[in-house]
Protein backbone atom coordinates (compact mmCIF):
# COMPACT_ATOMS: atom_id res chain seq x y z
CA UNK A 1 0.00 0.00 0.00
CA UNK A 2 2.78 2.43 0.89
CA UNK A 3 4.38 2.00 -2.55
CA UNK A 4 1.12 2.85 -4.29
CA UNK A 5 0.51 5.91 -2.14
CA UNK A 6 4.09 7.10 -2.51
CA UNK A 7 3.83 6.94 -6.30
CA UNK A 8 0.57 8.84 -6.19
CA UNK A 9 1.92 11.52 -3.87
CA UNK A 10 5.06 12.01 -5.94
CA UNK A 11 2.99 13.93 -8.48
CA UNK A 12 2.07 16.41 -5.74
CA UNK A 13 5.50 16.85 -4.18
CA UNK A 14 7.18 19.36 -6.47
CA UNK A 15 10.85 20.21 -6.12
CA UNK A 16 10.86 21.90 -2.70
CA UNK A 17 13.47 20.55 -0.33
CA UNK A 18 11.86 18.50 2.41
CA UNK A 19 14.17 20.11 4.99
CA UNK A 20 12.89 23.54 3.93
CA UNK A 21 9.32 22.25 4.05
CA UNK A 22 9.75 21.04 7.63
CA UNK A 23 11.40 24.33 8.56
CA UNK A 24 8.41 26.25 7.21
CA UNK A 25 6.11 24.29 9.52
CA UNK A 26 8.02 25.51 12.59
CA UNK A 27 6.36 28.41 14.38
CA UNK A 28 2.85 27.51 13.21
CA UNK A 29 0.07 27.02 15.73
CA UNK A 30 -1.74 23.71 16.17
CA UNK A 31 -4.71 24.58 13.96
CA UNK A 32 -2.42 25.62 11.11
CA UNK A 33 -0.32 22.46 11.51
CA UNK A 34 -3.48 20.35 11.18
CA UNK A 35 -4.39 22.31 8.05
CA UNK A 36 -0.96 21.50 6.57
CA UNK A 37 -1.45 17.82 7.37
CA UNK A 38 -4.96 17.80 5.90
CA UNK A 39 -3.75 19.39 2.67
CA UNK A 40 -1.28 16.52 2.20
CA UNK A 41 -3.94 13.97 3.12
CA UNK A 42 -6.49 15.34 0.69
CA UNK A 43 -3.94 15.12 -2.13
CA UNK A 44 -3.42 11.39 -1.66
CA UNK A 45 -7.11 10.77 -1.01
CA UNK A 46 -8.12 12.37 -4.30
CA UNK A 47 -5.74 10.14 -6.23
CA UNK A 48 -6.49 6.99 -4.24
CA UNK A 49 -10.27 7.34 -4.58
CA UNK A 50 -10.03 7.06 -8.35
CA UNK A 51 -8.07 3.80 -8.18
CA UNK A 52 -9.12 2.20 -4.89
CA UNK A 53 -12.20 3.81 -3.30
CA UNK A 54 -12.45 1.23 -0.49
CA UNK A 55 -8.84 1.83 0.49
CA UNK A 56 -9.46 5.59 0.40
CA UNK A 57 -12.39 5.18 2.80
CA UNK A 58 -10.17 3.27 5.23
CA UNK A 59 -7.50 5.95 4.99
CA UNK A 60 -10.02 8.73 5.64
CA UNK A 61 -11.23 6.95 8.77
CA UNK A 62 -7.69 7.01 10.16
CA UNK A 63 -7.15 10.70 9.39
CA UNK A 64 -9.34 12.06 12.18
CA UNK A 65 -7.92 15.23 13.72
CA UNK A 66 -6.67 14.65 17.28
CA UNK A 67 -7.08 17.22 20.08
CA UNK A 68 -4.06 19.28 21.06
CA UNK A 69 -1.70 17.09 23.16
CA UNK A 70 -1.69 19.45 26.13
CA UNK A 71 0.04 17.08 28.55
CA UNK A 72 3.05 15.90 26.51
CA UNK A 73 3.03 18.73 23.91
CA UNK A 74 3.93 16.04 21.37
CA UNK A 75 1.98 14.83 18.34
CA UNK A 76 3.22 11.56 16.81
CA UNK A 77 2.47 11.06 13.12
CA UNK A 78 2.60 7.81 11.18
CA UNK A 79 0.84 5.98 8.35
CA UNK A 80 -2.12 5.11 10.56
CA UNK A 81 -3.27 8.57 11.64
CA UNK A 82 -3.62 12.17 10.50
CA UNK A 83 0.09 12.23 9.62
CA UNK A 84 -0.19 9.78 6.77
CA UNK A 85 0.34 12.26 3.95
CA UNK A 86 3.33 13.95 5.60
CA UNK A 87 5.05 10.69 6.56
CA UNK A 88 4.71 9.44 2.98
CA UNK A 89 6.06 12.69 1.56
CA UNK A 90 9.05 13.63 3.71
CA UNK A 91 12.34 12.24 2.35
CA UNK A 92 10.34 9.78 0.22
CA UNK A 93 12.89 9.60 -2.60
CA UNK A 94 15.95 8.94 -0.42
CA UNK A 95 14.93 7.46 2.92
CA UNK A 96 12.06 5.50 4.41
CA UNK A 97 10.28 7.59 7.05
CA UNK A 98 8.75 5.60 9.90
CA UNK A 99 7.38 8.34 12.15
CA UNK A 100 7.41 12.10 12.59
CA UNK A 101 7.08 13.65 16.05
CA UNK A 102 5.94 17.26 16.38
CA UNK A 103 6.78 19.15 19.60
CA UNK A 104 4.93 22.29 20.66
CA UNK A 105 5.59 25.17 22.99
CA UNK A 106 2.53 25.48 25.22
CA UNK A 107 0.32 28.54 24.88
CA UNK A 108 1.62 31.31 27.10
CA UNK A 109 -0.65 33.35 29.41
CA UNK A 110 -1.60 36.93 28.76
CA UNK A 111 0.80 39.56 30.07
CA UNK A 112 -0.51 43.08 30.63
CA UNK A 113 -2.20 44.27 27.45
CA UNK A 114 -0.88 41.37 25.41
CA UNK A 115 -3.39 38.65 24.60
CA UNK A 116 -2.43 35.09 25.40
CA UNK A 117 -0.15 33.61 22.77
CA UNK A 118 -1.20 30.37 21.16
CA UNK A 119 0.84 27.18 21.14
CA UNK A 120 3.63 26.96 18.53
CA UNK A 121 5.45 24.12 16.80
CA UNK A 122 9.08 24.42 17.93
CA UNK A 123 10.78 21.11 17.03
CA UNK A 124 10.30 18.21 14.61
CA UNK A 125 11.85 14.74 14.85
CA UNK A 126 11.90 12.41 11.84
CA UNK A 127 12.63 8.75 12.53
CA UNK A 128 13.93 7.22 9.32
CA UNK A 129 15.65 4.25 7.72
CA UNK A 130 18.54 5.29 5.48
CA UNK A 131 19.16 1.83 4.02
CA UNK A 132 17.40 2.70 0.70
CA UNK A 133 19.81 5.62 0.24
CA UNK A 134 22.74 5.27 -2.20
CA UNK A 135 25.01 7.29 0.14
CA UNK A 136 25.36 7.80 3.89
CA UNK A 137 22.59 9.93 5.36
CA UNK A 138 24.80 12.90 6.27
CA UNK A 139 26.15 13.06 2.71
CA UNK A 140 22.61 12.94 1.35
CA UNK A 141 21.49 15.81 3.57
CA UNK A 142 24.31 17.91 2.14
CA UNK A 143 24.27 16.89 -1.51
CA UNK A 144 20.52 16.45 -2.04
CA UNK A 145 18.90 18.68 0.59
CA UNK A 146 21.44 21.49 0.46
CA UNK A 147 22.55 21.55 4.08
CA UNK A 148 25.95 23.15 4.78
CA UNK A 149 29.00 21.42 6.18
CA UNK A 150 28.00 20.01 9.59
CA UNK A 151 29.64 20.30 12.98
CA UNK A 152 30.50 17.20 15.02
CA UNK A 153 27.75 16.92 17.59
CA UNK A 154 30.20 16.82 20.50
CA UNK A 155 31.52 20.28 19.55
CA UNK A 156 28.16 21.96 18.92
CA UNK A 157 26.23 23.80 21.63
CA UNK A 158 22.59 23.07 20.80
CA UNK A 159 19.65 25.28 21.76
CA UNK A 160 17.54 22.28 22.81
CA UNK A 161 18.26 19.07 24.71
CA UNK A 162 17.81 16.12 22.37
CA UNK A 163 17.60 12.40 23.19
CA UNK A 164 21.10 11.82 21.89
CA UNK A 165 23.32 8.83 22.76
CA UNK A 166 26.81 10.31 23.12
CA UNK A 167 28.81 7.22 22.05
CA UNK A 168 26.95 7.14 18.71
CA UNK A 169 28.29 10.53 17.65
CA UNK A 170 26.23 12.55 15.21
CA UNK A 171 26.32 15.91 13.46
CA UNK A 172 24.65 19.30 13.75
CA UNK A 173 23.88 22.06 11.26
CA UNK A 174 23.48 25.73 12.13
CA UNK A 175 20.78 26.96 9.73
CA UNK A 176 20.42 30.48 11.05
CA UNK A 177 16.99 30.65 12.68
CA UNK A 178 16.94 26.85 12.89
CA UNK A 179 19.29 24.08 13.91
CA UNK A 180 19.29 20.50 12.62
CA UNK A 181 20.67 17.34 14.19
CA UNK A 182 21.27 13.87 12.77
CA UNK A 183 22.32 10.77 14.66
CA UNK A 184 22.19 7.06 13.92
CA UNK A 185 20.02 4.94 16.22
CA UNK A 186 20.05 1.44 17.61
CA UNK A 187 17.30 -0.79 18.92
CA UNK A 188 14.52 0.27 16.54
CA UNK A 189 13.86 -2.35 13.84
CA UNK A 190 12.18 0.17 11.52
CA UNK A 191 14.39 3.24 11.94
CA UNK A 192 18.16 3.58 12.17
CA UNK A 193 18.42 7.37 12.27
CA UNK A 194 16.83 10.46 13.78
CA UNK A 195 16.74 13.87 12.13
CA UNK A 196 15.74 16.95 14.14
CA UNK A 197 14.98 20.48 13.08
CA UNK A 198 14.26 23.13 15.73
CA UNK A 199 13.37 26.81 15.79
CA UNK A 200 16.13 28.24 17.98
CA UNK A 201 14.43 31.50 18.93
CA UNK A 202 11.04 30.00 19.74
CA UNK A 203 12.52 27.18 21.76
CA UNK A 204 14.75 29.53 23.75
CA UNK A 205 11.92 31.92 24.62
CA UNK A 206 9.24 29.29 25.26
CA UNK A 207 7.91 29.59 28.83
CA UNK A 208 6.85 25.93 28.81
CA UNK A 209 9.03 24.05 26.30
CA UNK A 210 8.25 20.44 25.43
CA UNK A 211 10.46 17.59 26.59
CA UNK A 212 12.07 16.18 23.46
CA UNK A 213 11.58 12.44 23.81
CA UNK A 214 11.37 9.77 21.06
C-alpha atoms as a PDB file:
ATOM      1  CA  UNK A   1       0.000   0.000   0.000  1.00  0.00           C
ATOM      2  CA  UNK A   2       2.779   2.431   0.890  1.00  0.00           C
ATOM      3  CA  UNK A   3       4.385   2.002  -2.547  1.00  0.00           C
ATOM      4  CA  UNK A   4       1.116   2.855  -4.293  1.00  0.00           C
ATOM      5  CA  UNK A   5       0.511   5.914  -2.137  1.00  0.00           C
ATOM      6  CA  UNK A   6       4.091   7.096  -2.515  1.00  0.00           C
ATOM      7  CA  UNK A   7       3.832   6.939  -6.296  1.00  0.00           C
ATOM      8  CA  UNK A   8       0.574   8.842  -6.189  1.00  0.00           C
ATOM      9  CA  UNK A   9       1.918  11.517  -3.874  1.00  0.00           C
ATOM     10  CA  UNK A  10       5.064  12.009  -5.938  1.00  0.00           C
ATOM     11  CA  UNK A  11       2.992  13.932  -8.480  1.00  0.00           C
ATOM     12  CA  UNK A  12       2.066  16.413  -5.741  1.00  0.00           C
ATOM     13  CA  UNK A  13       5.498  16.851  -4.181  1.00  0.00           C
ATOM     14  CA  UNK A  14       7.179  19.360  -6.469  1.00  0.00           C
ATOM     15  CA  UNK A  15      10.853  20.211  -6.118  1.00  0.00           C
ATOM     16  CA  UNK A  16      10.856  21.904  -2.697  1.00  0.00           C
ATOM     17  CA  UNK A  17      13.473  20.548  -0.329  1.00  0.00           C
ATOM     18  CA  UNK A  18      11.863  18.501   2.406  1.00  0.00           C
ATOM     19  CA  UNK A  19      14.166  20.110   4.986  1.00  0.00           C
ATOM     20  CA  UNK A  20      12.886  23.537   3.934  1.00  0.00           C
ATOM     21  CA  UNK A  21       9.320  22.252   4.046  1.00  0.00           C
ATOM     22  CA  UNK A  22       9.750  21.043   7.629  1.00  0.00           C
ATOM     23  CA  UNK A  23      11.397  24.330   8.561  1.00  0.00           C
ATOM     24  CA  UNK A  24       8.412  26.254   7.211  1.00  0.00           C
ATOM     25  CA  UNK A  25       6.113  24.292   9.523  1.00  0.00           C
ATOM     26  CA  UNK A  26       8.015  25.506  12.593  1.00  0.00           C
ATOM     27  CA  UNK A  27       6.356  28.406  14.377  1.00  0.00           C
ATOM     28  CA  UNK A  28       2.852  27.508  13.207  1.00  0.00           C
ATOM     29  CA  UNK A  29       0.067  27.019  15.725  1.00  0.00           C
ATOM     30  CA  UNK A  30      -1.736  23.712  16.175  1.00  0.00           C
ATOM     31  CA  UNK A  31      -4.710  24.580  13.960  1.00  0.00           C
ATOM     32  CA  UNK A  32      -2.419  25.624  11.114  1.00  0.00           C
ATOM     33  CA  UNK A  33      -0.321  22.462  11.507  1.00  0.00           C
ATOM     34  CA  UNK A  34      -3.480  20.347  11.177  1.00  0.00           C
ATOM     35  CA  UNK A  35      -4.393  22.313   8.046  1.00  0.00           C
ATOM     36  CA  UNK A  36      -0.964  21.504   6.566  1.00  0.00           C
ATOM     37  CA  UNK A  37      -1.451  17.817   7.371  1.00  0.00           C
ATOM     38  CA  UNK A  38      -4.958  17.804   5.901  1.00  0.00           C
ATOM     39  CA  UNK A  39      -3.745  19.389   2.673  1.00  0.00           C
ATOM     40  CA  UNK A  40      -1.282  16.522   2.198  1.00  0.00           C
ATOM     41  CA  UNK A  41      -3.935  13.974   3.121  1.00  0.00           C
ATOM     42  CA  UNK A  42      -6.488  15.342   0.687  1.00  0.00           C
ATOM     43  CA  UNK A  43      -3.937  15.120  -2.126  1.00  0.00           C
ATOM     44  CA  UNK A  44      -3.416  11.393  -1.664  1.00  0.00           C
ATOM     45  CA  UNK A  45      -7.114  10.767  -1.005  1.00  0.00           C
ATOM     46  CA  UNK A  46      -8.124  12.366  -4.304  1.00  0.00           C
ATOM     47  CA  UNK A  47      -5.745  10.140  -6.232  1.00  0.00           C
ATOM     48  CA  UNK A  48      -6.491   6.992  -4.240  1.00  0.00           C
ATOM     49  CA  UNK A  49     -10.271   7.345  -4.577  1.00  0.00           C
ATOM     50  CA  UNK A  50     -10.028   7.057  -8.351  1.00  0.00           C
ATOM     51  CA  UNK A  51      -8.068   3.799  -8.183  1.00  0.00           C
ATOM     52  CA  UNK A  52      -9.122   2.202  -4.887  1.00  0.00           C
ATOM     53  CA  UNK A  53     -12.204   3.807  -3.299  1.00  0.00           C
ATOM     54  CA  UNK A  54     -12.448   1.232  -0.494  1.00  0.00           C
ATOM     55  CA  UNK A  55      -8.845   1.826   0.491  1.00  0.00           C
ATOM     56  CA  UNK A  56      -9.456   5.585   0.399  1.00  0.00           C
ATOM     57  CA  UNK A  57     -12.389   5.182   2.797  1.00  0.00           C
ATOM     58  CA  UNK A  58     -10.171   3.268   5.231  1.00  0.00           C
ATOM     59  CA  UNK A  59      -7.498   5.948   4.985  1.00  0.00           C
ATOM     60  CA  UNK A  60     -10.019   8.727   5.645  1.00  0.00           C
ATOM     61  CA  UNK A  61     -11.232   6.955   8.771  1.00  0.00           C
ATOM     62  CA  UNK A  62      -7.690   7.013  10.157  1.00  0.00           C
ATOM     63  CA  UNK A  63      -7.150  10.705   9.385  1.00  0.00           C
ATOM     64  CA  UNK A  64      -9.343  12.059  12.183  1.00  0.00           C
ATOM     65  CA  UNK A  65      -7.920  15.233  13.717  1.00  0.00           C
ATOM     66  CA  UNK A  66      -6.674  14.650  17.277  1.00  0.00           C
ATOM     67  CA  UNK A  67      -7.081  17.219  20.078  1.00  0.00           C
ATOM     68  CA  UNK A  68      -4.064  19.276  21.060  1.00  0.00           C
ATOM     69  CA  UNK A  69      -1.701  17.088  23.158  1.00  0.00           C
ATOM     70  CA  UNK A  70      -1.690  19.454  26.129  1.00  0.00           C
ATOM     71  CA  UNK A  71       0.045  17.080  28.550  1.00  0.00           C
ATOM     72  CA  UNK A  72       3.050  15.905  26.512  1.00  0.00           C
ATOM     73  CA  UNK A  73       3.033  18.735  23.913  1.00  0.00           C
ATOM     74  CA  UNK A  74       3.933  16.038  21.370  1.00  0.00           C
ATOM     75  CA  UNK A  75       1.983  14.828  18.343  1.00  0.00           C
ATOM     76  CA  UNK A  76       3.221  11.557  16.813  1.00  0.00           C
ATOM     77  CA  UNK A  77       2.473  11.064  13.118  1.00  0.00           C
ATOM     78  CA  UNK A  78       2.596   7.808  11.177  1.00  0.00           C
ATOM     79  CA  UNK A  79       0.840   5.981   8.346  1.00  0.00           C
ATOM     80  CA  UNK A  80      -2.122   5.109  10.561  1.00  0.00           C
ATOM     81  CA  UNK A  81      -3.271   8.566  11.645  1.00  0.00           C
ATOM     82  CA  UNK A  82      -3.618  12.172  10.497  1.00  0.00           C
ATOM     83  CA  UNK A  83       0.086  12.229   9.624  1.00  0.00           C
ATOM     84  CA  UNK A  84      -0.186   9.780   6.767  1.00  0.00           C
ATOM     85  CA  UNK A  85       0.338  12.262   3.946  1.00  0.00           C
ATOM     86  CA  UNK A  86       3.329  13.953   5.604  1.00  0.00           C
ATOM     87  CA  UNK A  87       5.047  10.691   6.559  1.00  0.00           C
ATOM     88  CA  UNK A  88       4.715   9.437   2.978  1.00  0.00           C
ATOM     89  CA  UNK A  89       6.061  12.692   1.557  1.00  0.00           C
ATOM     90  CA  UNK A  90       9.050  13.628   3.714  1.00  0.00           C
ATOM     91  CA  UNK A  91      12.344  12.242   2.347  1.00  0.00           C
ATOM     92  CA  UNK A  92      10.341   9.778   0.224  1.00  0.00           C
ATOM     93  CA  UNK A  93      12.889   9.599  -2.601  1.00  0.00           C
ATOM     94  CA  UNK A  94      15.953   8.937  -0.420  1.00  0.00           C
ATOM     95  CA  UNK A  95      14.928   7.460   2.924  1.00  0.00           C
ATOM     96  CA  UNK A  96      12.057   5.500   4.408  1.00  0.00           C
ATOM     97  CA  UNK A  97      10.278   7.595   7.045  1.00  0.00           C
ATOM     98  CA  UNK A  98       8.751   5.597   9.901  1.00  0.00           C
ATOM     99  CA  UNK A  99       7.382   8.344  12.153  1.00  0.00           C
ATOM    100  CA  UNK A 100       7.411  12.104  12.592  1.00  0.00           C
ATOM    101  CA  UNK A 101       7.083  13.654  16.050  1.00  0.00           C
ATOM    102  CA  UNK A 102       5.945  17.258  16.384  1.00  0.00           C
ATOM    103  CA  UNK A 103       6.779  19.150  19.596  1.00  0.00           C
ATOM    104  CA  UNK A 104       4.933  22.288  20.656  1.00  0.00           C
ATOM    105  CA  UNK A 105       5.586  25.174  22.993  1.00  0.00           C
ATOM    106  CA  UNK A 106       2.527  25.479  25.224  1.00  0.00           C
ATOM    107  CA  UNK A 107       0.321  28.543  24.877  1.00  0.00           C
ATOM    108  CA  UNK A 108       1.621  31.313  27.104  1.00  0.00           C
ATOM    109  CA  UNK A 109      -0.653  33.354  29.410  1.00  0.00           C
ATOM    110  CA  UNK A 110      -1.600  36.934  28.757  1.00  0.00           C
ATOM    111  CA  UNK A 111       0.795  39.564  30.071  1.00  0.00           C
ATOM    112  CA  UNK A 112      -0.509  43.077  30.631  1.00  0.00           C
ATOM    113  CA  UNK A 113      -2.200  44.273  27.451  1.00  0.00           C
ATOM    114  CA  UNK A 114      -0.877  41.369  25.407  1.00  0.00           C
ATOM    115  CA  UNK A 115      -3.387  38.648  24.595  1.00  0.00           C
ATOM    116  CA  UNK A 116      -2.432  35.085  25.403  1.00  0.00           C
ATOM    117  CA  UNK A 117      -0.147  33.609  22.774  1.00  0.00           C
ATOM    118  CA  UNK A 118      -1.204  30.369  21.165  1.00  0.00           C
ATOM    119  CA  UNK A 119       0.840  27.178  21.136  1.00  0.00           C
ATOM    120  CA  UNK A 120       3.629  26.955  18.527  1.00  0.00           C
ATOM    121  CA  UNK A 121       5.450  24.121  16.797  1.00  0.00           C
ATOM    122  CA  UNK A 122       9.084  24.424  17.928  1.00  0.00           C
ATOM    123  CA  UNK A 123      10.777  21.106  17.028  1.00  0.00           C
ATOM    124  CA  UNK A 124      10.304  18.208  14.611  1.00  0.00           C
ATOM    125  CA  UNK A 125      11.852  14.744  14.845  1.00  0.00           C
ATOM    126  CA  UNK A 126      11.896  12.409  11.845  1.00  0.00           C
ATOM    127  CA  UNK A 127      12.627   8.745  12.531  1.00  0.00           C
ATOM    128  CA  UNK A 128      13.929   7.218   9.318  1.00  0.00           C
ATOM    129  CA  UNK A 129      15.650   4.254   7.725  1.00  0.00           C
ATOM    130  CA  UNK A 130      18.535   5.290   5.482  1.00  0.00           C
ATOM    131  CA  UNK A 131      19.159   1.828   4.023  1.00  0.00           C
ATOM    132  CA  UNK A 132      17.398   2.702   0.698  1.00  0.00           C
ATOM    133  CA  UNK A 133      19.814   5.618   0.242  1.00  0.00           C
ATOM    134  CA  UNK A 134      22.736   5.269  -2.196  1.00  0.00           C
ATOM    135  CA  UNK A 135      25.014   7.289   0.139  1.00  0.00           C
ATOM    136  CA  UNK A 136      25.363   7.805   3.894  1.00  0.00           C
ATOM    137  CA  UNK A 137      22.593   9.927   5.363  1.00  0.00           C
ATOM    138  CA  UNK A 138      24.803  12.902   6.268  1.00  0.00           C
ATOM    139  CA  UNK A 139      26.153  13.064   2.713  1.00  0.00           C
ATOM    140  CA  UNK A 140      22.606  12.944   1.349  1.00  0.00           C
ATOM    141  CA  UNK A 141      21.490  15.815   3.570  1.00  0.00           C
ATOM    142  CA  UNK A 142      24.309  17.907   2.140  1.00  0.00           C
ATOM    143  CA  UNK A 143      24.265  16.891  -1.515  1.00  0.00           C
ATOM    144  CA  UNK A 144      20.517  16.451  -2.036  1.00  0.00           C
ATOM    145  CA  UNK A 145      18.902  18.685   0.593  1.00  0.00           C
ATOM    146  CA  UNK A 146      21.442  21.490   0.458  1.00  0.00           C
ATOM    147  CA  UNK A 147      22.552  21.546   4.076  1.00  0.00           C
ATOM    148  CA  UNK A 148      25.947  23.151   4.779  1.00  0.00           C
ATOM    149  CA  UNK A 149      28.995  21.424   6.183  1.00  0.00           C
ATOM    150  CA  UNK A 150      27.999  20.011   9.593  1.00  0.00           C
ATOM    151  CA  UNK A 151      29.641  20.297  12.982  1.00  0.00           C
ATOM    152  CA  UNK A 152      30.499  17.200  15.024  1.00  0.00           C
ATOM    153  CA  UNK A 153      27.753  16.916  17.592  1.00  0.00           C
ATOM    154  CA  UNK A 154      30.203  16.822  20.499  1.00  0.00           C
ATOM    155  CA  UNK A 155      31.524  20.285  19.551  1.00  0.00           C
ATOM    156  CA  UNK A 156      28.156  21.957  18.919  1.00  0.00           C
ATOM    157  CA  UNK A 157      26.229  23.795  21.634  1.00  0.00           C
ATOM    158  CA  UNK A 158      22.594  23.068  20.798  1.00  0.00           C
ATOM    159  CA  UNK A 159      19.651  25.280  21.763  1.00  0.00           C
ATOM    160  CA  UNK A 160      17.543  22.278  22.812  1.00  0.00           C
ATOM    161  CA  UNK A 161      18.263  19.070  24.709  1.00  0.00           C
ATOM    162  CA  UNK A 162      17.815  16.124  22.369  1.00  0.00           C
ATOM    163  CA  UNK A 163      17.595  12.396  23.195  1.00  0.00           C
ATOM    164  CA  UNK A 164      21.105  11.818  21.889  1.00  0.00           C
ATOM    165  CA  UNK A 165      23.315   8.834  22.761  1.00  0.00           C
ATOM    166  CA  UNK A 166      26.805  10.306  23.125  1.00  0.00           C
ATOM    167  CA  UNK A 167      28.812   7.220  22.053  1.00  0.00           C
ATOM    168  CA  UNK A 168      26.955   7.136  18.710  1.00  0.00           C
ATOM    169  CA  UNK A 169      28.290  10.525  17.648  1.00  0.00           C
ATOM    170  CA  UNK A 170      26.228  12.551  15.205  1.00  0.00           C
ATOM    171  CA  UNK A 171      26.321  15.909  13.462  1.00  0.00           C
ATOM    172  CA  UNK A 172      24.648  19.300  13.752  1.00  0.00           C
ATOM    173  CA  UNK A 173      23.878  22.062  11.259  1.00  0.00           C
ATOM    174  CA  UNK A 174      23.483  25.726  12.125  1.00  0.00           C
ATOM    175  CA  UNK A 175      20.777  26.955   9.734  1.00  0.00           C
ATOM    176  CA  UNK A 176      20.418  30.484  11.046  1.00  0.00           C
ATOM    177  CA  UNK A 177      16.989  30.649  12.675  1.00  0.00           C
ATOM    178  CA  UNK A 178      16.942  26.851  12.891  1.00  0.00           C
ATOM    179  CA  UNK A 179      19.293  24.078  13.911  1.00  0.00           C
ATOM    180  CA  UNK A 180      19.289  20.504  12.621  1.00  0.00           C
ATOM    181  CA  UNK A 181      20.670  17.337  14.190  1.00  0.00           C
ATOM    182  CA  UNK A 182      21.266  13.871  12.766  1.00  0.00           C
ATOM    183  CA  UNK A 183      22.319  10.765  14.660  1.00  0.00           C
ATOM    184  CA  UNK A 184      22.188   7.061  13.925  1.00  0.00           C
ATOM    185  CA  UNK A 185      20.020   4.944  16.221  1.00  0.00           C
ATOM    186  CA  UNK A 186      20.045   1.444  17.612  1.00  0.00           C
ATOM    187  CA  UNK A 187      17.297  -0.791  18.921  1.00  0.00           C
ATOM    188  CA  UNK A 188      14.516   0.269  16.537  1.00  0.00           C
ATOM    189  CA  UNK A 189      13.859  -2.352  13.837  1.00  0.00           C
ATOM    190  CA  UNK A 190      12.181   0.174  11.518  1.00  0.00           C
ATOM    191  CA  UNK A 191      14.391   3.240  11.941  1.00  0.00           C
ATOM    192  CA  UNK A 192      18.156   3.578  12.171  1.00  0.00           C
ATOM    193  CA  UNK A 193      18.421   7.372  12.267  1.00  0.00           C
ATOM    194  CA  UNK A 194      16.828  10.456  13.777  1.00  0.00           C
ATOM    195  CA  UNK A 195      16.739  13.874  12.126  1.00  0.00           C
ATOM    196  CA  UNK A 196      15.740  16.953  14.142  1.00  0.00           C
ATOM    197  CA  UNK A 197      14.982  20.484  13.085  1.00  0.00           C
ATOM    198  CA  UNK A 198      14.261  23.126  15.733  1.00  0.00           C
ATOM    199  CA  UNK A 199      13.370  26.810  15.790  1.00  0.00           C
ATOM    200  CA  UNK A 200      16.130  28.245  17.981  1.00  0.00           C
ATOM    201  CA  UNK A 201      14.425  31.499  18.933  1.00  0.00           C
ATOM    202  CA  UNK A 202      11.037  29.998  19.743  1.00  0.00           C
ATOM    203  CA  UNK A 203      12.524  27.176  21.762  1.00  0.00           C
ATOM    204  CA  UNK A 204      14.750  29.528  23.751  1.00  0.00           C
ATOM    205  CA  UNK A 205      11.916  31.925  24.618  1.00  0.00           C
ATOM    206  CA  UNK A 206       9.243  29.288  25.265  1.00  0.00           C
ATOM    207  CA  UNK A 207       7.913  29.595  28.828  1.00  0.00           C
ATOM    208  CA  UNK A 208       6.846  25.932  28.814  1.00  0.00           C
ATOM    209  CA  UNK A 209       9.028  24.050  26.299  1.00  0.00           C
ATOM    210  CA  UNK A 210       8.253  20.442  25.435  1.00  0.00           C
ATOM    211  CA  UNK A 211      10.459  17.585  26.588  1.00  0.00           C
ATOM    212  CA  UNK A 212      12.071  16.180  23.457  1.00  0.00           C
ATOM    213  CA  UNK A 213      11.582  12.439  23.811  1.00  0.00           C
ATOM    214  CA  UNK A 214      11.375   9.770  21.063  1.00  0.00           C
END
